[in-house]
Amino acid sequence: MLRCFASCLYLYCSASLVAAEAENQIYQIISDPAEMLGPDSCTKCHENEMQAWHATPHFTTFDSLHRKAEAKAIADRLGLGSVKRNDTCVNCHYTQQQVDERIRVVAGVSCESCHGAARDWIALHNDYGGPNATKESETPEHRQERIETSVQAGMNNPTNLYLIARQCLACHTTPNEALVNVGDHAAGSKEFELVSWSQGMVRHNFLRTGGAANAQSAPEQLRVMYVVGVLADLEASLRATAQATSKAPFGIAAAQRAAGLKRKLYDISQRVSDPHIDDALHAALSVPLKLNHNAELTAAADSVGKAAYNFAAQTDGSSLAAIDPLLPAPAQYKTK
């Protein structure tokens, strides 16, 4: 599974207390190896999640990707040399960390690839209300505050599914023109869909069961996840289309992907009534999927991203039962 370019961190908050900050940072790319702690920093509290990760390509890519003939050929066509020593490949396939003034690849696609560089938020995330407080004794008020302050410090908390979706689509749409047109890299994961790809082998949801089981998501959450996945995919595809400078595989694939997602979003809008979905659809339909419309396409992508962020923050899925026929069945979840 080849995935490249632009590992992005997108901030979520459900409370108005930090809404202004989220508004300012939601589209920023933040990838500083000096702020990465590496996956070992998560193992003490998330051992079950780490074991689940070890069974995924996200983990094994560290030892396997650079040995694949296809990956070497792409790097050679781009004149990049080592697969592990250039940002074009590393940003999506690996985790970088600054160690003793040197930037090194320390893991494959790992915890911080999705949840954000942890240096500034890990202590906040681990504080349940004082030195003697536990997760079980934490008050609801403190939990809300802990999430908000962690998000402000750079954490992508899955309380808002848009943040995780944006992380996925930042790589699964391959938004790098040279990588596709010159390197002959695939123009994104064509079959990617957030529910089916996140609920299969990469699922690591032990929180709800206190570590007893890798829990499945509730129907309400799956509905939100499906819509957010479409919105985040549309946003990323619009951004990729905006970057295209020639009518070549990259631009054609990005525009075709965006067109297909517009149709999906229209189908959703016909089944449920939601102002954020309507806002995103209006923004997407307002621009042509053509070359030389960078500003308009980027503005539309911004609007779609904002709508997705607000939808994920404000919707619990209970009113979305009408889209259930659109959701993939468990048999369709990605298992390899």
C-alpha atoms as a PDB file:
ATOM      1  CA  MET A   1       0.000   0.000   0.000  1.00  0.00           C
ATOM      2  CA  LEU A   2       1.858   3.028  -1.260  1.00  0.00           C
ATOM      3  CA  ARG A   3       0.886   6.307   0.280  1.00  0.00           C
ATOM      4  CA  CYS A   4       2.861   9.528   0.023  1.00  0.00           C
ATOM      5  CA  PHE A   5       3.089  13.226   0.851  1.00  0.00           C
ATOM      6  CA  ALA A   6       1.641  15.733   3.272  1.00  0.00           C
ATOM      7  CA  SER A   7       1.180  14.305   6.740  1.00  0.00           C
ATOM      8  CA  CYS A   8      -1.137  16.878   8.254  1.00  0.00           C
ATOM      9  CA  LEU A   9      -2.446  17.634  11.711  1.00  0.00           C
ATOM     10  CA  TYR A  10      -5.940  19.116  11.965  1.00  0.00           C
ATOM     11  CA  LEU A  11      -7.340  20.490  15.197  1.00  0.00           C
ATOM     12  CA  TYR A  12     -10.741  19.706  16.674  1.00  0.00           C
ATOM     13  CA  CYS A  13     -12.719  21.157  19.527  1.00  0.00           C
ATOM     14  CA  SER A  14     -16.336  20.656  20.502  1.00  0.00           C
ATOM     15  CA  ALA A  15     -16.627  23.666  22.749  1.00  0.00           C
ATOM     16  CA  SER A  16     -16.839  27.340  21.861  1.00  0.00           C
ATOM     17  CA  LEU A  17     -13.987  27.989  24.288  1.00  0.00           C
ATOM     18  CA  VAL A  18     -11.427  27.010  21.644  1.00  0.00           C
ATOM     19  CA  ALA A  19     -13.476  27.423  18.477  1.00  0.00           C
ATOM     20  CA  ALA A  20     -11.590  30.528  17.380  1.00  0.00           C
ATOM     21  CA  GLU A  21      -8.235  28.795  17.695  1.00  0.00           C
ATOM     22  CA  ALA A  22      -9.488  25.770  15.778  1.00  0.00           C
ATOM     23  CA  GLU A  23     -10.777  28.084  13.045  1.00  0.00           C
ATOM     24  CA  ASN A  24      -7.293  29.531  12.664  1.00  0.00           C
ATOM     25  CA  GLN A  25      -5.417  26.227  12.665  1.00  0.00           C
ATOM     26  CA  ILE A  26      -7.729  23.732  11.032  1.00  0.00           C
ATOM     27  CA  TYR A  27      -6.010  23.839   7.634  1.00  0.00           C
ATOM     28  CA  GLN A  28      -2.418  24.180   8.756  1.00  0.00           C
ATOM     29  CA  ILE A  29       0.142  21.480   8.085  1.00  0.00           C
ATOM     30  CA  ILE A  30       2.209  20.812  11.185  1.00  0.00           C
ATOM     31  CA  SER A  31       4.908  18.159  10.917  1.00  0.00           C
ATOM     32  CA  ASP A  32       7.890  18.943  13.107  1.00  0.00           C
ATOM     33  CA  PRO A  33      10.168  15.965  13.891  1.00  0.00           C
ATOM     34  CA  ALA A  34      11.401  17.844  16.964  1.00  0.00           C
ATOM     35  CA  GLU A  35       7.905  17.510  18.442  1.00  0.00           C
ATOM     36  CA  MET A  36       7.568  13.785  17.736  1.00  0.00           C
ATOM     37  CA  LEU A  37       8.077  11.401  20.648  1.00  0.00           C
ATOM     38  CA  GLY A  38       7.739   8.142  18.736  1.00  0.00           C
ATOM     39  CA  PRO A  39       5.285   5.264  19.282  1.00  0.00           C
ATOM     40  CA  ASP A  40       7.020   3.956  22.403  1.00  0.00           C
ATOM     41  CA  SER A  41       5.710   7.002  24.269  1.00  0.00           C
ATOM     42  CA  CYS A  42       2.173   5.626  23.875  1.00  0.00           C
ATOM     43  CA  THR A  43       2.808   1.988  24.813  1.00  0.00           C
ATOM     44  CA  LYS A  44       2.509   2.305  28.597  1.00  0.00           C
ATOM     45  CA  CYS A  45      -1.140   3.377  28.482  1.00  0.00           C
ATOM     46  CA  HIS A  46      -2.151   1.885  25.124  1.00  0.00           C
ATOM     47  CA  GLU A  47      -0.595  -1.575  24.999  1.00  0.00           C
ATOM     48  CA  ASN A  48      -3.620  -3.204  23.361  1.00  0.00           C
ATOM     49  CA  GLU A  49      -3.757  -0.510  20.698  1.00  0.00           C
ATOM     50  CA  MET A  50      -0.061  -0.994  20.007  1.00  0.00           C
ATOM     51  CA  GLN A  51      -0.501  -4.746  19.568  1.00  0.00           C
ATOM     52  CA  ALA A  52      -3.297  -4.116  17.071  1.00  0.00           C
ATOM     53  CA  TRP A  53      -1.055  -1.650  15.216  1.00  0.00           C
ATOM     54  CA  HIS A  54       1.719  -4.238  14.953  1.00  0.00           C
ATOM     55  CA  ALA A  55      -0.553  -6.385  12.781  1.00  0.00           C
ATOM     56  CA  THR A  56      -1.122  -3.660  10.160  1.00  0.00           C
ATOM     57  CA  PRO A  57       0.776  -2.428   7.089  1.00  0.00           C
ATOM     58  CA  HIS A  58       1.040   0.909   8.899  1.00  0.00           C
ATOM     59  CA  PHE A  59       3.535  -0.830  11.211  1.00  0.00           C
ATOM     60  CA  THR A  60       5.266  -3.204   8.776  1.00  0.00           C
ATOM     61  CA  THR A  61       5.978  -0.527   6.171  1.00  0.00           C
ATOM     62  CA  PHE A  62       8.990   0.494   8.286  1.00  0.00           C
ATOM     63  CA  ASP A  63      10.793  -2.747   7.423  1.00  0.00           C
ATOM     64  CA  SER A  64       9.187  -3.603   4.104  1.00  0.00           C
ATOM     65  CA  LEU A  65       8.480  -0.565   1.922  1.00  0.00           C
ATOM     66  CA  HIS A  66      12.054   0.393   1.080  1.00  0.00           C
ATOM     67  CA  ARG A  67      12.675  -3.185  -0.092  1.00  0.00           C
ATOM     68  CA  LYS A  68       9.823  -3.182  -2.616  1.00  0.00           C
ATOM     69  CA  ALA A  69      10.834  -2.887  -6.256  1.00  0.00           C
ATOM     70  CA  GLU A  70       7.868  -0.627  -6.997  1.00  0.00           C
ATOM     71  CA  ALA A  71       8.843   1.850  -4.274  1.00  0.00           C
ATOM     72  CA  LYS A  72      12.465   1.900  -5.434  1.00  0.00           C
ATOM     73  CA  ALA A  73      11.376   2.478  -9.020  1.00  0.00           C
ATOM     74  CA  ILE A  74       9.186   5.443  -8.038  1.00  0.00           C
ATOM     75  CA  ALA A  75      12.037   6.973  -6.034  1.00  0.00           C
ATOM     76  CA  ASP A  76      14.457   6.444  -8.920  1.00  0.00           C
ATOM     77  CA  ARG A  77      12.133   8.105 -11.435  1.00  0.00           C
ATOM     78  CA  LEU A  78      11.961  11.124  -9.128  1.00  0.00           C
ATOM     79  CA  GLY A  79      15.707  11.089  -8.487  1.00  0.00           C
ATOM     80  CA  LEU A  80      15.170  10.666  -4.767  1.00  0.00           C
ATOM     81  CA  GLY A  81      17.566   7.862  -3.924  1.00  0.00           C
ATOM     82  CA  SER A  82      16.706   6.156  -0.642  1.00  0.00           C
ATOM     83  CA  VAL A  83      12.989   5.711   0.035  1.00  0.00           C
ATOM     84  CA  LYS A  84      13.581   6.456   3.721  1.00  0.00           C
ATOM     85  CA  ARG A  85      15.604   9.619   3.157  1.00  0.00           C
ATOM     86  CA  ASN A  86      13.327  12.060   1.386  1.00  0.00           C
ATOM     87  CA  ASP A  87      10.234  13.920   2.537  1.00  0.00           C
ATOM     88  CA  THR A  88       8.197  12.925  -0.503  1.00  0.00           C
ATOM     89  CA  CYS A  89       8.049   9.297   0.643  1.00  0.00           C
ATOM     90  CA  VAL A  90       8.669   9.733   4.357  1.00  0.00           C
ATOM     91  CA  ASN A  91       5.852  12.186   5.071  1.00  0.00           C
ATOM     92  CA  CYS A  92       3.213   9.536   4.494  1.00  0.00           C
ATOM     93  CA  HIS A  93       4.960   6.201   4.903  1.00  0.00           C
ATOM     94  CA  TYR A  94       7.025   6.799   8.019  1.00  0.00           C
ATOM     95  CA  THR A  95       7.348   8.630  11.330  1.00  0.00           C
ATOM     96  CA  GLN A  96      10.269  11.034  11.634  1.00  0.00           C
ATOM     97  CA  GLN A  97      11.792  12.114  14.918  1.00  0.00           C
ATOM     98  CA  GLN A  98      14.642  14.428  15.790  1.00  0.00           C
ATOM     99  CA  VAL A  99      17.197  12.446  17.795  1.00  0.00           C
ATOM    100  CA  ASP A 100      20.396  14.130  18.967  1.00  0.00           C
ATOM    101  CA  GLU A 101      20.100  16.959  16.432  1.00  0.00           C
ATOM    102  CA  ARG A 102      19.513  14.466  13.628  1.00  0.00           C
ATOM    103  CA  ILE A 103      16.179  13.709  11.963  1.00  0.00           C
ATOM    104  CA  ARG A 104      15.619   9.981  11.694  1.00  0.00           C
ATOM    105  CA  VAL A 105      12.899   7.632  10.563  1.00  0.00           C
ATOM    106  CA  VAL A 106      11.838   5.743  13.693  1.00  0.00           C
ATOM    107  CA  ALA A 107       8.637   3.916  12.681  1.00  0.00           C
ATOM    108  CA  GLY A 108       6.129   3.374   9.948  1.00  0.00           C
ATOM    109  CA  VAL A 109       2.753   5.110   9.993  1.00  0.00           C
ATOM    110  CA  SER A 110       2.331   5.370  13.746  1.00  0.00           C
ATOM    111  CA  CYS A 111       0.309   6.980  16.546  1.00  0.00           C
ATOM    112  CA  GLU A 112       1.486  10.533  15.927  1.00  0.00           C
ATOM    113  CA  SER A 113       0.917  10.191  12.174  1.00  0.00           C
ATOM    114  CA  CYS A 114      -2.788  10.294  12.984  1.00  0.00           C
ATOM    115  CA  HIS A 115      -3.047  11.942  16.399  1.00  0.00           C
ATOM    116  CA  GLY A 116      -0.403  14.630  16.023  1.00  0.00           C
ATOM    117  CA  ALA A 117       3.129  15.210  17.281  1.00  0.00           C
ATOM    118  CA  ALA A 118       2.774  14.540  20.997  1.00  0.00           C
ATOM    119  CA  ARG A 119       5.476  16.568  22.717  1.00  0.00           C
ATOM    120  CA  ASP A 120       3.163  19.415  23.703  1.00  0.00           C
ATOM    121  CA  TRP A 121       0.015  17.445  24.502  1.00  0.00           C
ATOM    122  CA  ILE A 122       0.947  14.055  25.912  1.00  0.00           C
ATOM    123  CA  ALA A 123       1.160  15.247  29.538  1.00  0.00           C
ATOM    124  CA  LEU A 124      -2.194  17.008  29.212  1.00  0.00           C
ATOM    125  CA  HIS A 125      -3.718  13.918  27.651  1.00  0.00           C
ATOM    126  CA  ASN A 126      -2.476  11.779  30.568  1.00  0.00           C
ATOM    127  CA  ASP A 127      -3.706  14.083  33.345  1.00  0.00           C
ATOM    128  CA  TYR A 128      -7.013  12.818  34.758  1.00  0.00           C
ATOM    129  CA  GLY A 129      -7.282  15.479  37.420  1.00  0.00           C
ATOM    130  CA  GLY A 130      -4.182  15.297  39.571  1.00  0.00           C
ATOM    131  CA  PRO A 131      -1.405  12.886  40.611  1.00  0.00           C
ATOM    132  CA  ASN A 132      -3.789  10.415  42.264  1.00  0.00           C
ATOM    133  CA  ALA A 133      -6.613  10.651  39.734  1.00  0.00           C
ATOM    134  CA  THR A 134      -7.360   7.816  37.330  1.00  0.00           C
ATOM    135  CA  LYS A 135      -9.348   7.484  34.151  1.00  0.00           C
ATOM    136  CA  GLU A 136     -12.128   5.881  36.195  1.00  0.00           C
ATOM    137  CA  SER A 137     -12.227   8.691  38.765  1.00  0.00           C
ATOM    138  CA  GLU A 138     -12.009  11.545  36.277  1.00  0.00           C
ATOM    139  CA  THR A 139     -15.017  13.870  36.313  1.00  0.00           C
ATOM    140  CA  PRO A 140     -16.895  14.625  33.068  1.00  0.00           C
ATOM    141  CA  GLU A 141     -15.975  18.285  33.453  1.00  0.00           C
ATOM    142  CA  HIS A 142     -12.276  17.502  33.698  1.00  0.00           C
ATOM    143  CA  ARG A 143     -12.451  15.121  30.754  1.00  0.00           C
ATOM    144  CA  GLN A 144     -13.947  17.867  28.597  1.00  0.00           C
ATOM    145  CA  GLU A 145     -11.258  20.290  29.729  1.00  0.00           C
ATOM    146  CA  ARG A 146      -8.545  17.690  29.130  1.00  0.00           C
ATOM    147  CA  ILE A 147      -9.724  17.125  25.566  1.00  0.00           C
ATOM    148  CA  GLU A 148      -9.936  20.842  24.849  1.00  0.00           C
ATOM    149  CA  THR A 149      -6.490  21.662  26.208  1.00  0.00           C
ATOM    150  CA  SER A 150      -4.923  18.675  24.442  1.00  0.00           C
ATOM    151  CA  VAL A 151      -6.448  19.782  21.160  1.00  0.00           C
ATOM    152  CA  GLN A 152      -5.170  23.305  21.643  1.00  0.00           C
ATOM    153  CA  ALA A 153      -1.711  21.817  22.178  1.00  0.00           C
ATOM    154  CA  GLY A 154      -1.848  19.920  18.871  1.00  0.00           C
ATOM    155  CA  MET A 155      -3.651  16.631  19.488  1.00  0.00           C
ATOM    156  CA  ASN A 156      -6.009  15.204  16.895  1.00  0.00           C
ATOM    157  CA  ASN A 157      -8.569  13.764  19.274  1.00  0.00           C
ATOM    158  CA  PRO A 158     -10.967  11.246  17.658  1.00  0.00           C
ATOM    159  CA  THR A 159     -13.864  12.790  19.553  1.00  0.00           C
ATOM    160  CA  ASN A 160     -14.176  14.718  16.312  1.00  0.00           C
ATOM    161  CA  LEU A 161     -13.906  12.211  13.478  1.00  0.00           C
ATOM    162  CA  TYR A 162     -13.012  14.859  10.912  1.00  0.00           C
ATOM    163  CA  LEU A 163      -9.510  15.154  12.327  1.00  0.00           C
ATOM    164  CA  ILE A 164      -8.769  11.497  11.799  1.00  0.00           C
ATOM    165  CA  ALA A 165     -10.414  11.506   8.368  1.00  0.00           C
ATOM    166  CA  ARG A 166      -8.280  14.459   7.299  1.00  0.00           C
ATOM    167  CA  GLN A 167      -5.176  12.555   8.396  1.00  0.00           C
ATOM    168  CA  CYS A 168      -6.174   9.566   6.279  1.00  0.00           C
ATOM    169  CA  LEU A 169      -7.067  11.557   3.179  1.00  0.00           C
ATOM    170  CA  ALA A 170      -3.983  13.745   3.366  1.00  0.00           C
ATOM    171  CA  CYS A 171      -2.107  10.687   2.147  1.00  0.00           C
ATOM    172  CA  HIS A 172      -4.683   8.451   0.486  1.00  0.00           C
ATOM    173  CA  THR A 173      -5.362  11.070  -2.211  1.00  0.00           C
ATOM    174  CA  THR A 174      -1.631  11.427  -3.035  1.00  0.00           C
ATOM    175  CA  PRO A 175      -1.740  15.232  -3.490  1.00  0.00           C
ATOM    176  CA  ASN A 176       1.649  15.559  -5.225  1.00  0.00           C
ATOM    177  CA  GLU A 177       1.677  16.168  -8.973  1.00  0.00           C
ATOM    178  CA  ALA A 178       5.266  15.108  -9.674  1.00  0.00           C
ATOM    179  CA  LEU A 179       4.855  11.969  -7.601  1.00  0.00           C
ATOM    180  CA  VAL A 180       2.083  10.796  -9.922  1.00  0.00           C
ATOM    181  CA  ASN A 181       3.056  12.273 -13.286  1.00  0.00           C
ATOM    182  CA  VAL A 182       6.818  11.710 -13.039  1.00  0.00           C
ATOM    183  CA  GLY A 183       7.159   8.999 -10.407  1.00  0.00           C
ATOM    184  CA  ASP A 184       4.205   6.991 -11.749  1.00  0.00           C
ATOM    185  CA  HIS A 185       2.868   6.596  -8.211  1.00  0.00           C
ATOM    186  CA  ALA A 186      -0.795   5.668  -7.933  1.00  0.00           C
ATOM    187  CA  ALA A 187      -3.043   8.735  -7.823  1.00  0.00           C
ATOM    188  CA  GLY A 188      -4.491   7.874  -4.427  1.00  0.00           C
ATOM    189  CA  SER A 189      -6.180   4.798  -2.996  1.00  0.00           C
ATOM    190  CA  LYS A 190      -9.140   4.512  -5.346  1.00  0.00           C
ATOM    191  CA  GLU A 191     -11.150   2.217  -3.075  1.00  0.00           C
ATOM    192  CA  PHE A 192     -10.591   4.231   0.104  1.00  0.00           C
ATOM    193  CA  GLU A 193     -13.735   4.788   2.161  1.00  0.00           C
ATOM    194  CA  LEU A 194     -13.430   5.793   5.799  1.00  0.00           C
ATOM    195  CA  VAL A 195     -15.821   3.320   7.414  1.00  0.00           C
ATOM    196  CA  SER A 196     -14.589   0.215   5.624  1.00  0.00           C
ATOM    197  CA  TRP A 197     -10.909   1.144   5.905  1.00  0.00           C
ATOM    198  CA  SER A 198     -10.994   2.216   9.556  1.00  0.00           C
ATOM    199  CA  GLN A 199     -13.193  -0.556  10.930  1.00  0.00           C
ATOM    200  CA  GLY A 200     -11.190  -3.468   9.579  1.00  0.00           C
ATOM    201  CA  MET A 201      -7.646  -4.445  10.472  1.00  0.00           C
ATOM    202  CA  VAL A 202      -6.553  -0.959  11.539  1.00  0.00           C
ATOM    203  CA  ARG A 203      -9.308  -0.615  14.163  1.00  0.00           C
ATOM    204  CA  HIS A 204      -7.837  -0.205  17.647  1.00  0.00           C
ATOM    205  CA  ASN A 205     -10.762   0.920  19.774  1.00  0.00           C
ATOM    206  CA  PHE A 206     -10.183  -0.471  23.257  1.00  0.00           C
ATOM    207  CA  LEU A 207     -11.256   2.650  25.123  1.00  0.00           C
ATOM    208  CA  ARG A 208     -14.969   1.848  25.419  1.00  0.00           C
ATOM    209  CA  THR A 209     -14.353  -1.595  26.895  1.00  0.00           C
ATOM    210  CA  GLY A 210     -11.577  -0.624  29.281  1.00  0.00           C
ATOM    211  CA  GLY A 211      -9.128  -2.697  27.279  1.00  0.00           C
ATOM    212  CA  ALA A 212     -11.275  -5.851  27.272  1.00  0.00           C
ATOM    213  CA  ALA A 213     -12.047  -5.850  23.529  1.00  0.00           C
ATOM    214  CA  ASN A 214     -11.443  -4.015  20.282  1.00  0.00           C
ATOM    215  CA  ALA A 215     -14.946  -2.556  20.155  1.00  0.00           C
ATOM    216  CA  GLN A 216     -16.950  -1.944  17.014  1.00  0.00           C
ATOM    217  CA  SER A 217     -18.351   1.532  16.504  1.00  0.00           C
ATOM    218  CA  ALA A 218     -22.044   2.141  17.150  1.00  0.00           C
ATOM    219  CA  PRO A 219     -24.366   2.661  14.158  1.00  0.00           C
ATOM    220  CA  GLU A 220     -24.723   6.352  14.996  1.00  0.00           C
ATOM    221  CA  GLN A 221     -20.973   6.839  14.927  1.00  0.00           C
ATOM    222  CA  LEU A 222     -20.623   4.905  11.671  1.00  0.00           C
ATOM    223  CA  ARG A 223     -23.117   7.254  10.037  1.00  0.00           C
ATOM    224  CA  VAL A 224     -21.141  10.305  11.096  1.00  0.00           C
ATOM    225  CA  MET A 225     -17.946   8.561  10.002  1.00  0.00           C
ATOM    226  CA  TYR A 226     -19.323   7.848   6.541  1.00  0.00           C
ATOM    227  CA  VAL A 227     -20.394  11.451   5.923  1.00  0.00           C
ATOM    228  CA  VAL A 228     -17.193  12.884   7.366  1.00  0.00           C
ATOM    229  CA  GLY A 229     -15.187  10.511   5.189  1.00  0.00           C
ATOM    230  CA  VAL A 230     -16.952  11.742   2.059  1.00  0.00           C
ATOM    231  CA  LEU A 231     -16.443  15.367   3.084  1.00  0.00           C
ATOM    232  CA  ALA A 232     -12.767  14.950   3.945  1.00  0.00           C
ATOM    233  CA  ASP A 233     -12.154  13.022   0.729  1.00  0.00           C
ATOM    234  CA  LEU A 234     -13.897  15.733  -1.281  1.00  0.00           C
ATOM    235  CA  GLU A 235     -11.860  18.432   0.435  1.00  0.00           C
ATOM    236  CA  ALA A 236      -8.579  16.642  -0.258  1.00  0.00           C
ATOM    237  CA  SER A 237      -9.574  15.940  -3.868  1.00  0.00           C
ATOM    238  CA  LEU A 238     -10.447  19.589  -4.452  1.00  0.00           C
ATOM    239  CA  ARG A 239      -7.072  20.602  -3.039  1.00  0.00           C
ATOM    240  CA  ALA A 240      -5.319  18.115  -5.318  1.00  0.00           C
ATOM    241  CA  THR A 241      -7.272  19.382  -8.334  1.00  0.00           C
ATOM    242  CA  ALA A 242      -6.243  22.929  -7.442  1.00  0.00           C
ATOM    243  CA  GLN A 243      -2.577  21.902  -7.497  1.00  0.00           C
ATOM    244  CA  ALA A 244      -2.722  20.371 -10.978  1.00  0.00           C
ATOM    245  CA  THR A 245      -0.785  22.320 -13.615  1.00  0.00           C
ATOM    246  CA  SER A 246      -1.355  20.059 -16.614  1.00  0.00           C
ATOM    247  CA  LYS A 247      -3.959  17.724 -18.039  1.00  0.00           C
ATOM    248  CA  ALA A 248      -2.078  14.603 -17.009  1.00  0.00           C
ATOM    249  CA  PRO A 249      -2.766  11.573 -14.763  1.00  0.00           C
ATOM    250  CA  PHE A 250      -2.555  13.536 -11.505  1.00  0.00           C
ATOM    251  CA  GLY A 251      -4.995  16.281 -12.437  1.00  0.00           C
ATOM    252  CA  ILE A 252      -7.358  13.953 -14.270  1.00  0.00           C
ATOM    253  CA  ALA A 253      -7.530  11.512 -11.350  1.00  0.00           C
ATOM    254  CA  ALA A 254      -8.036  14.288  -8.801  1.00  0.00           C
ATOM    255  CA  ALA A 255     -10.848  15.892 -10.800  1.00  0.00           C
ATOM    256  CA  GLN A 256     -12.552  12.548 -11.430  1.00  0.00           C
ATOM    257  CA  ARG A 257     -12.325  11.681  -7.755  1.00  0.00           C
ATOM    258  CA  ALA A 258     -13.788  15.044  -6.755  1.00  0.00           C
ATOM    259  CA  ALA A 259     -16.625  14.625  -9.266  1.00  0.00           C
ATOM    260  CA  GLY A 260     -17.506  11.219  -7.868  1.00  0.00           C
ATOM    261  CA  LEU A 261     -17.509  12.578  -4.320  1.00  0.00           C
ATOM    262  CA  LYS A 262     -19.802  15.429  -5.347  1.00  0.00           C
ATOM    263  CA  ARG A 263     -22.271  12.790  -6.497  1.00  0.00           C
ATOM    264  CA  LYS A 264     -21.937  10.913  -3.210  1.00  0.00           C
ATOM    265  CA  LEU A 265     -22.507  14.092  -1.243  1.00  0.00           C
ATOM    266  CA  TYR A 266     -25.538  14.954  -3.349  1.00  0.00           C
ATOM    267  CA  ASP A 267     -26.979  11.492  -2.625  1.00  0.00           C
ATOM    268  CA  ILE A 268     -26.443  12.066   1.101  1.00  0.00           C
ATOM    269  CA  SER A 269     -28.102  15.482   0.896  1.00  0.00           C
ATOM    270  CA  GLN A 270     -31.193  13.917  -0.676  1.00  0.00           C
ATOM    271  CA  ARG A 271     -31.552  11.493   2.223  1.00  0.00           C
ATOM    272  CA  VAL A 272     -30.911  13.763   5.212  1.00  0.00           C
ATOM    273  CA  SER A 273     -31.344  17.449   5.939  1.00  0.00           C
ATOM    274  CA  ASP A 274     -28.265  19.052   7.474  1.00  0.00           C
ATOM    275  CA  PRO A 275     -26.999  22.625   7.009  1.00  0.00           C
ATOM    276  CA  HIS A 276     -23.344  21.597   7.070  1.00  0.00           C
ATOM    277  CA  ILE A 277     -23.858  19.040   4.323  1.00  0.00           C
ATOM    278  CA  ASP A 278     -25.727  21.656   2.315  1.00  0.00           C
ATOM    279  CA  ASP A 279     -22.910  24.178   2.828  1.00  0.00           C
ATOM    280  CA  ALA A 280     -20.300  21.691   1.644  1.00  0.00           C
ATOM    281  CA  LEU A 281     -22.320  20.688  -1.403  1.00  0.00           C
ATOM    282  CA  HIS A 282     -22.927  24.306  -2.377  1.00  0.00           C
ATOM    283  CA  ALA A 283     -19.207  25.064  -2.102  1.00  0.00           C
ATOM    284  CA  ALA A 284     -18.225  22.019  -4.149  1.00  0.00           C
ATOM    285  CA  LEU A 285     -20.756  22.715  -6.889  1.00  0.00           C
ATOM    286  CA  SER A 286     -19.731  26.358  -7.165  1.00  0.00           C
ATOM    287  CA  VAL A 287     -16.371  25.696  -8.862  1.00  0.00           C
ATOM    288  CA  PRO A 288     -15.383  23.901 -12.094  1.00  0.00           C
ATOM    289  CA  LEU A 289     -13.009  20.947 -11.849  1.00  0.00           C
ATOM    290  CA  LYS A 290     -10.590  22.449 -14.351  1.00  0.00           C
ATOM    291  CA  LEU A 291      -7.025  23.703 -14.585  1.00  0.00           C
ATOM    292  CA  ASN A 292      -6.132  27.282 -13.687  1.00  0.00           C
ATOM    293  CA  HIS A 293      -8.778  27.619 -10.968  1.00  0.00           C
ATOM    294  CA  ASN A 294      -6.443  27.227  -8.003  1.00  0.00           C
ATOM    295  CA  ALA A 295      -7.878  30.029  -5.865  1.00  0.00           C
ATOM    296  CA  GLU A 296     -11.505  29.034  -6.403  1.00  0.00           C
ATOM    297  CA  LEU A 297     -10.869  25.323  -5.824  1.00  0.00           C
ATOM    298  CA  THR A 298      -8.825  26.002  -2.702  1.00  0.00           C
ATOM    299  CA  ALA A 299     -11.549  28.271  -1.317  1.00  0.00           C
ATOM    300  CA  ALA A 300     -14.123  25.567  -2.011  1.00  0.00           C
ATOM    301  CA  ALA A 301     -11.923  23.000  -0.254  1.00  0.00           C
ATOM    302  CA  ASP A 302     -11.635  25.342   2.742  1.00  0.00           C
ATOM    303  CA  SER A 303     -15.424  25.619   2.893  1.00  0.00           C
ATOM    304  CA  VAL A 304     -15.882  21.853   2.639  1.00  0.00           C
ATOM    305  CA  GLY A 305     -13.326  21.311   5.395  1.00  0.00           C
ATOM    306  CA  LYS A 306     -15.018  23.836   7.660  1.00  0.00           C
ATOM    307  CA  ALA A 307     -18.392  22.186   7.042  1.00  0.00           C
ATOM    308  CA  ALA A 308     -16.915  18.770   7.809  1.00  0.00           C
ATOM    309  CA  TYR A 309     -15.358  20.047  11.024  1.00  0.00           C
ATOM    310  CA  ASN A 310     -18.657  21.563  12.181  1.00  0.00           C
ATOM    311  CA  PHE A 311     -20.676  18.536  11.112  1.00  0.00           C
ATOM    312  CA  ALA A 312     -18.432  16.180  13.081  1.00  0.00           C
ATOM    313  CA  ALA A 313     -18.532  18.447  16.128  1.00  0.00           C
ATOM    314  CA  GLN A 314     -22.289  18.924  16.198  1.00  0.00           C
ATOM    315  CA  THR A 315     -23.821  15.705  14.846  1.00  0.00           C
ATOM    316  CA  ASP A 316     -24.304  12.524  16.868  1.00  0.00           C
ATOM    317  CA  GLY A 317     -25.663  10.379  14.039  1.00  0.00           C
ATOM    318  CA  SER A 318     -29.083   9.701  15.562  1.00  0.00           C
ATOM    319  CA  SER A 319     -30.824  11.662  12.802  1.00  0.00           C
ATOM    320  CA  LEU A 320     -28.900  10.050   9.947  1.00  0.00           C
ATOM    321  CA  ALA A 321     -30.583   6.635   9.732  1.00  0.00           C
ATOM    322  CA  ALA A 322     -31.680   7.376   6.169  1.00  0.00           C
ATOM    323  CA  ILE A 323     -28.099   6.956   4.941  1.00  0.00           C
ATOM    324  CA  ASP A 324     -27.729   3.448   6.384  1.00  0.00           C
ATOM    325  CA  PRO A 325     -28.121   1.857   2.923  1.00  0.00           C
ATOM    326  CA  LEU A 326     -25.024   3.759   1.810  1.00  0.00           C
ATOM    327  CA  LEU A 327     -22.784   2.387   4.556  1.00  0.00           C
ATOM    328  CA  PRO A 328     -20.521  -0.586   3.798  1.00  0.00           C
ATOM    329  CA  ALA A 329     -21.462  -3.864   5.474  1.00  0.00           C
ATOM    330  CA  PRO A 330     -18.964  -5.459   7.892  1.00  0.00           C
ATOM    331  CA  ALA A 331     -18.111  -8.020   5.201  1.00  0.00           C
ATOM    332  CA  GLN A 332     -16.749  -5.132   3.144  1.00  0.00           C
ATOM    333  CA  TYR A 333     -14.351  -3.885   5.825  1.00  0.00           C
ATOM    334  CA  LYS A 334     -10.726  -3.884   4.754  1.00  0.00           C
ATOM    335  CA  THR A 335      -8.920  -6.814   6.354  1.00  0.00           C
ATOM    336  CA  LYS A 336      -5.610  -6.806   4.511  1.00  0.00           C
END
